[in-house]
């Protein structure tokens, strides 16, 4: 297996752990809301891998993508209660994304969302490469990363119009806001505009008319904390259909 792959993965992991530790410090010692520190971590999970992949390049294969997915999911094991209760550094990292309202389901929702996300991305990556659409792979990822990343902090800070959503494995009701969900809409419009050169004019028009609404409604009706894989699925399906117009 290519040595640069392991260097790439190690630097990603170290960078993400460092950011999580810093977010934990902000939440514990500076009383920054976990709703905000969690989203700093959210953005880092999308951006850090992209930056490191540009800096440390290795030959991309489906096999290595699967290995990377397994590594990413397996590293979540350090957050189980017996570990974090004994290792203060890990507990601090966990504090950066452990919203009080999510307890005791935080880790379950995080791990299942990560698994579901990879189960969506990997088949669509193969499908998009097969149909010479690899230049569009990042489009749904960017809409999800930016739109969903901004939705919670904007909703917490400026949200006035709330609506209820359900959560997996729980009867507890959670709330989102129309102001937060609007971030997904405007992020969709902005990202599609950036990718206009990769679409024909009819495809661009349909994408502008359809995808922002699809992505916004998907985020609005997704289970609490589980909007990432559902946004991936909706975005990739919609874009795949639009590309054949």
C-alpha atoms as a PDB file:
ATOM      1  CA  UNK A   1       0.000   0.000   0.000  1.00  0.00           C
ATOM      2  CA  UNK A   2       1.290   3.453  -0.901  1.00  0.00           C
ATOM      3  CA  UNK A   3       3.329   5.026   1.980  1.00  0.00           C
ATOM      4  CA  UNK A   4       2.066   8.532   1.191  1.00  0.00           C
ATOM      5  CA  UNK A   5      -1.458   7.323   1.918  1.00  0.00           C
ATOM      6  CA  UNK A   6      -0.559   6.625   5.552  1.00  0.00           C
ATOM      7  CA  UNK A   7       1.271   9.949   5.868  1.00  0.00           C
ATOM      8  CA  UNK A   8      -1.808  11.663   4.460  1.00  0.00           C
ATOM      9  CA  UNK A   9      -4.133   9.868   6.888  1.00  0.00           C
ATOM     10  CA  UNK A  10      -1.901  10.487   9.914  1.00  0.00           C
ATOM     11  CA  UNK A  11      -1.673  14.238   9.254  1.00  0.00           C
ATOM     12  CA  UNK A  12      -5.433  14.460   8.718  1.00  0.00           C
ATOM     13  CA  UNK A  13      -6.103  12.651  11.975  1.00  0.00           C
ATOM     14  CA  UNK A  14      -3.637  14.730  13.969  1.00  0.00           C
ATOM     15  CA  UNK A  15      -4.996  17.989  12.521  1.00  0.00           C
ATOM     16  CA  UNK A  16      -8.616  17.071  13.222  1.00  0.00           C
ATOM     17  CA  UNK A  17      -7.840  15.901  16.757  1.00  0.00           C
ATOM     18  CA  UNK A  18      -5.984  19.160  17.415  1.00  0.00           C
ATOM     19  CA  UNK A  19      -8.959  21.212  16.234  1.00  0.00           C
ATOM     20  CA  UNK A  20     -11.331  19.113  18.347  1.00  0.00           C
ATOM     21  CA  UNK A  21      -9.132  19.644  21.401  1.00  0.00           C
ATOM     22  CA  UNK A  22      -9.101  23.394  20.790  1.00  0.00           C
ATOM     23  CA  UNK A  23     -12.887  23.413  20.439  1.00  0.00           C
ATOM     24  CA  UNK A  24     -13.175  21.480  23.698  1.00  0.00           C
ATOM     25  CA  UNK A  25     -11.073  24.133  25.443  1.00  0.00           C
ATOM     26  CA  UNK A  26     -13.344  26.860  24.064  1.00  0.00           C
ATOM     27  CA  UNK A  27     -16.469  25.046  25.258  1.00  0.00           C
ATOM     28  CA  UNK A  28     -15.127  24.174  28.732  1.00  0.00           C
ATOM     29  CA  UNK A  29     -13.036  27.201  29.657  1.00  0.00           C
ATOM     30  CA  UNK A  30     -14.480  30.016  27.547  1.00  0.00           C
ATOM     31  CA  UNK A  31     -18.144  28.962  27.744  1.00  0.00           C
ATOM     32  CA  UNK A  32     -18.512  29.007  23.966  1.00  0.00           C
ATOM     33  CA  UNK A  33     -21.735  27.223  23.027  1.00  0.00           C
ATOM     34  CA  UNK A  34     -21.157  23.681  21.802  1.00  0.00           C
ATOM     35  CA  UNK A  35     -23.531  24.550  18.945  1.00  0.00           C
ATOM     36  CA  UNK A  36     -20.697  26.769  17.667  1.00  0.00           C
ATOM     37  CA  UNK A  37     -17.658  24.641  18.508  1.00  0.00           C
ATOM     38  CA  UNK A  38     -19.386  21.615  16.982  1.00  0.00           C
ATOM     39  CA  UNK A  39     -19.712  23.478  13.701  1.00  0.00           C
ATOM     40  CA  UNK A  40     -16.057  24.501  13.745  1.00  0.00           C
ATOM     41  CA  UNK A  41     -15.345  20.780  13.890  1.00  0.00           C
ATOM     42  CA  UNK A  42     -17.931  20.210  11.143  1.00  0.00           C
ATOM     43  CA  UNK A  43     -16.165  22.628   8.785  1.00  0.00           C
ATOM     44  CA  UNK A  44     -12.774  21.139   9.617  1.00  0.00           C
ATOM     45  CA  UNK A  45     -14.021  17.641   8.757  1.00  0.00           C
ATOM     46  CA  UNK A  46     -14.860  18.885   5.263  1.00  0.00           C
ATOM     47  CA  UNK A  47     -11.990  21.300   4.626  1.00  0.00           C
ATOM     48  CA  UNK A  48      -8.938  19.715   6.281  1.00  0.00           C
ATOM     49  CA  UNK A  49      -9.084  16.498   4.193  1.00  0.00           C
ATOM     50  CA  UNK A  50      -9.420  18.542   0.983  1.00  0.00           C
ATOM     51  CA  UNK A  51      -6.398  20.701   1.850  1.00  0.00           C
ATOM     52  CA  UNK A  52      -4.219  17.780   2.903  1.00  0.00           C
ATOM     53  CA  UNK A  53      -5.196  15.779  -0.184  1.00  0.00           C
ATOM     54  CA  UNK A  54      -3.893  18.695  -2.268  1.00  0.00           C
ATOM     55  CA  UNK A  55      -0.638  18.865  -0.300  1.00  0.00           C
ATOM     56  CA  UNK A  56       0.097  15.142   0.063  1.00  0.00           C
ATOM     57  CA  UNK A  57      -0.951  13.431  -3.133  1.00  0.00           C
ATOM     58  CA  UNK A  58      -1.214   9.675  -3.546  1.00  0.00           C
ATOM     59  CA  UNK A  59      -2.813   7.527  -6.212  1.00  0.00           C
ATOM     60  CA  UNK A  60      -6.542   7.432  -5.512  1.00  0.00           C
ATOM     61  CA  UNK A  61      -8.210   4.034  -5.695  1.00  0.00           C
ATOM     62  CA  UNK A  62     -11.530   2.701  -4.442  1.00  0.00           C
ATOM     63  CA  UNK A  63      -9.598   0.318  -2.183  1.00  0.00           C
ATOM     64  CA  UNK A  64      -7.760   3.169  -0.470  1.00  0.00           C
ATOM     65  CA  UNK A  65     -11.006   5.118  -0.168  1.00  0.00           C
ATOM     66  CA  UNK A  66     -12.540   2.150   1.651  1.00  0.00           C
ATOM     67  CA  UNK A  67      -9.501   1.907   3.934  1.00  0.00           C
ATOM     68  CA  UNK A  68      -9.753   5.635   4.654  1.00  0.00           C
ATOM     69  CA  UNK A  69     -13.444   5.255   5.509  1.00  0.00           C
ATOM     70  CA  UNK A  70     -12.703   2.373   7.888  1.00  0.00           C
ATOM     71  CA  UNK A  71      -9.936   4.388   9.573  1.00  0.00           C
ATOM     72  CA  UNK A  72     -12.202   7.412   9.985  1.00  0.00           C
ATOM     73  CA  UNK A  73     -14.987   5.380  11.574  1.00  0.00           C
ATOM     74  CA  UNK A  74     -12.641   3.249  13.694  1.00  0.00           C
ATOM     75  CA  UNK A  75     -11.016   6.323  15.251  1.00  0.00           C
ATOM     76  CA  UNK A  76     -14.356   7.203  16.856  1.00  0.00           C
ATOM     77  CA  UNK A  77     -13.791   4.349  19.305  1.00  0.00           C
ATOM     78  CA  UNK A  78     -11.560   6.584  21.427  1.00  0.00           C
ATOM     79  CA  UNK A  79     -14.677   8.525  22.446  1.00  0.00           C
ATOM     80  CA  UNK A  80     -16.426   5.634  24.166  1.00  0.00           C
ATOM     81  CA  UNK A  81     -17.111   6.355  27.844  1.00  0.00           C
ATOM     82  CA  UNK A  82     -14.480   4.013  29.373  1.00  0.00           C
ATOM     83  CA  UNK A  83     -11.741   5.723  27.327  1.00  0.00           C
ATOM     84  CA  UNK A  84     -12.740   9.365  27.591  1.00  0.00           C
ATOM     85  CA  UNK A  85     -13.421   9.066  31.322  1.00  0.00           C
ATOM     86  CA  UNK A  86      -9.829   7.946  31.842  1.00  0.00           C
ATOM     87  CA  UNK A  87      -8.041  10.109  29.262  1.00  0.00           C
ATOM     88  CA  UNK A  88      -8.517  13.830  29.898  1.00  0.00           C
ATOM     89  CA  UNK A  89      -7.309  14.854  26.431  1.00  0.00           C
ATOM     90  CA  UNK A  90      -9.943  12.669  24.772  1.00  0.00           C
ATOM     91  CA  UNK A  91     -12.617  13.944  27.138  1.00  0.00           C
ATOM     92  CA  UNK A  92     -11.695  17.513  26.217  1.00  0.00           C
ATOM     93  CA  UNK A  93     -11.941  16.666  22.521  1.00  0.00           C
ATOM     94  CA  UNK A  94     -15.346  15.075  23.106  1.00  0.00           C
ATOM     95  CA  UNK A  95     -16.513  18.210  24.939  1.00  0.00           C
ATOM     96  CA  UNK A  96     -16.090  20.165  21.722  1.00  0.00           C
ATOM     97  CA  UNK A  97     -19.032  18.403  20.034  1.00  0.00           C
ATOM     98  CA  UNK A  98     -21.037  16.862  22.895  1.00  0.00           C
ATOM     99  CA  UNK A  99     -24.184  19.000  22.927  1.00  0.00           C
ATOM    100  CA  UNK A 100     -26.011  18.662  26.268  1.00  0.00           C
ATOM    101  CA  UNK A 101     -29.329  18.092  24.496  1.00  0.00           C
ATOM    102  CA  UNK A 102     -27.865  15.146  22.566  1.00  0.00           C
ATOM    103  CA  UNK A 103     -26.734  13.165  25.606  1.00  0.00           C
ATOM    104  CA  UNK A 104     -26.537  10.199  25.949  1.00  0.00           C
ATOM    105  CA  UNK A 105     -26.923   9.653  22.189  1.00  0.00           C
ATOM    106  CA  UNK A 106     -24.075  11.897  20.982  1.00  0.00           C
ATOM    107  CA  UNK A 107     -21.635   9.157  20.026  1.00  0.00           C
ATOM    108  CA  UNK A 108     -24.286   6.816  18.613  1.00  0.00           C
ATOM    109  CA  UNK A 109     -25.637   9.513  16.320  1.00  0.00           C
ATOM    110  CA  UNK A 110     -22.148  10.623  15.300  1.00  0.00           C
ATOM    111  CA  UNK A 111     -20.925   7.134  14.446  1.00  0.00           C
ATOM    112  CA  UNK A 112     -24.060   6.024  12.595  1.00  0.00           C
ATOM    113  CA  UNK A 113     -24.119   9.282  10.632  1.00  0.00           C
ATOM    114  CA  UNK A 114     -20.470   8.764   9.626  1.00  0.00           C
ATOM    115  CA  UNK A 115     -21.156   5.200   8.475  1.00  0.00           C
ATOM    116  CA  UNK A 116     -24.249   6.264   6.529  1.00  0.00           C
ATOM    117  CA  UNK A 117     -22.326   9.123   4.927  1.00  0.00           C
ATOM    118  CA  UNK A 118     -19.660   6.785   3.553  1.00  0.00           C
ATOM    119  CA  UNK A 119     -22.310   4.294   2.418  1.00  0.00           C
ATOM    120  CA  UNK A 120     -23.764   7.088   0.286  1.00  0.00           C
ATOM    121  CA  UNK A 121     -20.553   8.707  -0.972  1.00  0.00           C
ATOM    122  CA  UNK A 122     -18.625   5.613  -2.073  1.00  0.00           C
ATOM    123  CA  UNK A 123     -21.246   4.149  -4.481  1.00  0.00           C
ATOM    124  CA  UNK A 124     -21.920   7.599  -5.961  1.00  0.00           C
ATOM    125  CA  UNK A 125     -18.192   8.190  -6.387  1.00  0.00           C
ATOM    126  CA  UNK A 126     -17.987   5.001  -8.452  1.00  0.00           C
ATOM    127  CA  UNK A 127     -21.128   5.963 -10.395  1.00  0.00           C
ATOM    128  CA  UNK A 128     -19.909   9.502 -11.100  1.00  0.00           C
ATOM    129  CA  UNK A 129     -16.487   8.313 -12.250  1.00  0.00           C
ATOM    130  CA  UNK A 130     -18.110   5.726 -14.518  1.00  0.00           C
ATOM    131  CA  UNK A 131     -20.233   8.432 -16.156  1.00  0.00           C
ATOM    132  CA  UNK A 132     -17.331  10.930 -16.414  1.00  0.00           C
ATOM    133  CA  UNK A 133     -18.909  13.162 -13.771  1.00  0.00           C
ATOM    134  CA  UNK A 134     -16.034  13.169 -11.278  1.00  0.00           C
ATOM    135  CA  UNK A 135     -15.690  16.960 -11.709  1.00  0.00           C
ATOM    136  CA  UNK A 136     -19.103  17.280  -9.993  1.00  0.00           C
ATOM    137  CA  UNK A 137     -18.388  15.050  -7.002  1.00  0.00           C
ATOM    138  CA  UNK A 138     -17.600  17.977  -4.711  1.00  0.00           C
ATOM    139  CA  UNK A 139     -20.770  19.923  -5.521  1.00  0.00           C
ATOM    140  CA  UNK A 140     -23.160  18.133  -3.115  1.00  0.00           C
ATOM    141  CA  UNK A 141     -20.339  17.892  -0.553  1.00  0.00           C
ATOM    142  CA  UNK A 142     -19.793  21.650  -0.619  1.00  0.00           C
ATOM    143  CA  UNK A 143     -23.511  22.407  -0.344  1.00  0.00           C
ATOM    144  CA  UNK A 144     -23.739  20.084   2.648  1.00  0.00           C
ATOM    145  CA  UNK A 145     -20.523  21.283   4.255  1.00  0.00           C
ATOM    146  CA  UNK A 146     -21.280  24.988   3.935  1.00  0.00           C
ATOM    147  CA  UNK A 147     -25.069  25.029   4.105  1.00  0.00           C
ATOM    148  CA  UNK A 148     -25.491  22.541   6.927  1.00  0.00           C
ATOM    149  CA  UNK A 149     -22.420  23.953   8.661  1.00  0.00           C
ATOM    150  CA  UNK A 150     -23.955  27.422   8.816  1.00  0.00           C
ATOM    151  CA  UNK A 151     -27.519  26.282   9.565  1.00  0.00           C
ATOM    152  CA  UNK A 152     -27.068  25.593  13.281  1.00  0.00           C
ATOM    153  CA  UNK A 153     -25.011  28.639  14.332  1.00  0.00           C
ATOM    154  CA  UNK A 154     -27.229  30.942  12.264  1.00  0.00           C
ATOM    155  CA  UNK A 155     -30.322  29.305  13.728  1.00  0.00           C
ATOM    156  CA  UNK A 156     -28.998  29.581  17.295  1.00  0.00           C
ATOM    157  CA  UNK A 157     -28.006  33.220  16.867  1.00  0.00           C
ATOM    158  CA  UNK A 158     -30.737  34.582  14.615  1.00  0.00           C
ATOM    159  CA  UNK A 159     -33.449  31.905  14.490  1.00  0.00           C
ATOM    160  CA  UNK A 160     -36.923  33.095  15.417  1.00  0.00           C
ATOM    161  CA  UNK A 161     -39.154  30.680  13.516  1.00  0.00           C
ATOM    162  CA  UNK A 162     -38.782  27.176  14.941  1.00  0.00           C
ATOM    163  CA  UNK A 163     -40.132  23.841  13.788  1.00  0.00           C
ATOM    164  CA  UNK A 164     -39.885  20.344  15.259  1.00  0.00           C
ATOM    165  CA  UNK A 165     -37.845  17.421  13.984  1.00  0.00           C
ATOM    166  CA  UNK A 166     -37.464  13.877  15.226  1.00  0.00           C
ATOM    167  CA  UNK A 167     -34.304  11.983  16.085  1.00  0.00           C
ATOM    168  CA  UNK A 168     -33.289   8.384  15.489  1.00  0.00           C
ATOM    169  CA  UNK A 169     -33.597   5.943  18.400  1.00  0.00           C
ATOM    170  CA  UNK A 170     -35.313   8.607  20.534  1.00  0.00           C
ATOM    171  CA  UNK A 171     -38.799   9.995  21.172  1.00  0.00           C
ATOM    172  CA  UNK A 172     -37.420  13.374  22.149  1.00  0.00           C
ATOM    173  CA  UNK A 173     -38.335  16.306  19.896  1.00  0.00           C
ATOM    174  CA  UNK A 174     -35.719  18.741  18.635  1.00  0.00           C
ATOM    175  CA  UNK A 175     -35.983  22.082  16.907  1.00  0.00           C
ATOM    176  CA  UNK A 176     -34.594  23.688  13.789  1.00  0.00           C
ATOM    177  CA  UNK A 177     -35.291  27.168  12.479  1.00  0.00           C
ATOM    178  CA  UNK A 178     -36.349  28.515   9.113  1.00  0.00           C
ATOM    179  CA  UNK A 179     -33.470  30.982   9.303  1.00  0.00           C
ATOM    180  CA  UNK A 180     -30.988  28.138   9.726  1.00  0.00           C
ATOM    181  CA  UNK A 181     -32.526  26.063   6.963  1.00  0.00           C
ATOM    182  CA  UNK A 182     -32.344  29.068   4.630  1.00  0.00           C
ATOM    183  CA  UNK A 183     -28.538  28.730   4.812  1.00  0.00           C
ATOM    184  CA  UNK A 184     -28.820  25.452   2.908  1.00  0.00           C
ATOM    185  CA  UNK A 185     -30.891  27.166   0.221  1.00  0.00           C
ATOM    186  CA  UNK A 186     -28.477  30.054  -0.301  1.00  0.00           C
ATOM    187  CA  UNK A 187     -25.419  27.787  -0.117  1.00  0.00           C
ATOM    188  CA  UNK A 188     -26.980  25.631  -2.849  1.00  0.00           C
ATOM    189  CA  UNK A 189     -27.541  28.656  -5.069  1.00  0.00           C
ATOM    190  CA  UNK A 190     -23.978  29.902  -4.521  1.00  0.00           C
ATOM    191  CA  UNK A 191     -22.275  26.531  -5.121  1.00  0.00           C
ATOM    192  CA  UNK A 192     -24.326  25.789  -8.235  1.00  0.00           C
ATOM    193  CA  UNK A 193     -23.412  29.239  -9.575  1.00  0.00           C
ATOM    194  CA  UNK A 194     -19.724  28.479  -9.010  1.00  0.00           C
ATOM    195  CA  UNK A 195     -20.114  25.216 -10.956  1.00  0.00           C
ATOM    196  CA  UNK A 196     -22.047  26.789 -13.856  1.00  0.00           C
ATOM    197  CA  UNK A 197     -19.225  26.092 -16.329  1.00  0.00           C
ATOM    198  CA  UNK A 198     -19.517  22.349 -15.610  1.00  0.00           C
ATOM    199  CA  UNK A 199     -23.179  22.299 -16.648  1.00  0.00           C
ATOM    200  CA  UNK A 200     -24.938  23.028 -19.904  1.00  0.00           C
ATOM    201  CA  UNK A 201     -27.295  26.011 -19.860  1.00  0.00           C
ATOM    202  CA  UNK A 202     -30.462  23.846 -19.522  1.00  0.00           C
ATOM    203  CA  UNK A 203     -28.776  21.786 -16.792  1.00  0.00           C
ATOM    204  CA  UNK A 204     -27.724  24.951 -14.963  1.00  0.00           C
ATOM    205  CA  UNK A 205     -31.245  26.399 -15.101  1.00  0.00           C
ATOM    206  CA  UNK A 206     -32.841  23.175 -13.835  1.00  0.00           C
ATOM    207  CA  UNK A 207     -30.205  22.818 -11.125  1.00  0.00           C
ATOM    208  CA  UNK A 208     -30.887  26.368  -9.943  1.00  0.00           C
ATOM    209  CA  UNK A 209     -34.637  25.777  -9.933  1.00  0.00           C
ATOM    210  CA  UNK A 210     -34.629  22.338  -8.333  1.00  0.00           C
ATOM    211  CA  UNK A 211     -31.565  21.625  -6.203  1.00  0.00           C
ATOM    212  CA  UNK A 212     -31.811  24.477  -3.651  1.00  0.00           C
ATOM    213  CA  UNK A 213     -35.389  23.446  -2.843  1.00  0.00           C
ATOM    214  CA  UNK A 214     -34.521  19.740  -2.682  1.00  0.00           C
ATOM    215  CA  UNK A 215     -31.531  20.303  -0.425  1.00  0.00           C
ATOM    216  CA  UNK A 216     -33.400  22.707   1.853  1.00  0.00           C
ATOM    217  CA  UNK A 217     -36.373  20.377   2.284  1.00  0.00           C
ATOM    218  CA  UNK A 218     -34.070  17.407   2.839  1.00  0.00           C
ATOM    219  CA  UNK A 219     -32.245  19.237   5.619  1.00  0.00           C
ATOM    220  CA  UNK A 220     -35.545  20.373   7.117  1.00  0.00           C
ATOM    221  CA  UNK A 221     -37.044  16.875   7.311  1.00  0.00           C
ATOM    222  CA  UNK A 222     -33.896  14.893   8.156  1.00  0.00           C
ATOM    223  CA  UNK A 223     -33.607  13.374  11.626  1.00  0.00           C
ATOM    224  CA  UNK A 224     -31.760  15.449  14.204  1.00  0.00           C
ATOM    225  CA  UNK A 225     -27.940  15.156  13.701  1.00  0.00           C
ATOM    226  CA  UNK A 226     -28.511  12.893  10.693  1.00  0.00           C
ATOM    227  CA  UNK A 227     -28.858  15.508   7.953  1.00  0.00           C
ATOM    228  CA  UNK A 228     -25.404  14.952   6.417  1.00  0.00           C
ATOM    229  CA  UNK A 229     -26.023  11.522   4.813  1.00  0.00           C
ATOM    230  CA  UNK A 230     -29.529  12.476   3.708  1.00  0.00           C
ATOM    231  CA  UNK A 231     -28.199  15.674   2.100  1.00  0.00           C
ATOM    232  CA  UNK A 232     -25.494  13.657   0.351  1.00  0.00           C
ATOM    233  CA  UNK A 233     -28.108  11.235  -0.988  1.00  0.00           C
ATOM    234  CA  UNK A 234     -30.511  13.929  -2.156  1.00  0.00           C
ATOM    235  CA  UNK A 235     -27.764  16.027  -3.706  1.00  0.00           C
ATOM    236  CA  UNK A 236     -26.087  13.211  -5.609  1.00  0.00           C
ATOM    237  CA  UNK A 237     -29.388  11.795  -6.884  1.00  0.00           C
ATOM    238  CA  UNK A 238     -30.664  15.172  -8.012  1.00  0.00           C
ATOM    239  CA  UNK A 239     -27.411  16.143  -9.709  1.00  0.00           C
ATOM    240  CA  UNK A 240     -27.133  12.778 -11.429  1.00  0.00           C
ATOM    241  CA  UNK A 241     -30.608  13.186 -12.908  1.00  0.00           C
ATOM    242  CA  UNK A 242     -29.962  16.792 -13.951  1.00  0.00           C
ATOM    243  CA  UNK A 243     -26.728  15.848 -15.722  1.00  0.00           C
ATOM    244  CA  UNK A 244     -28.677  13.723 -18.196  1.00  0.00           C
ATOM    245  CA  UNK A 245     -30.956  16.541 -19.295  1.00  0.00           C
END
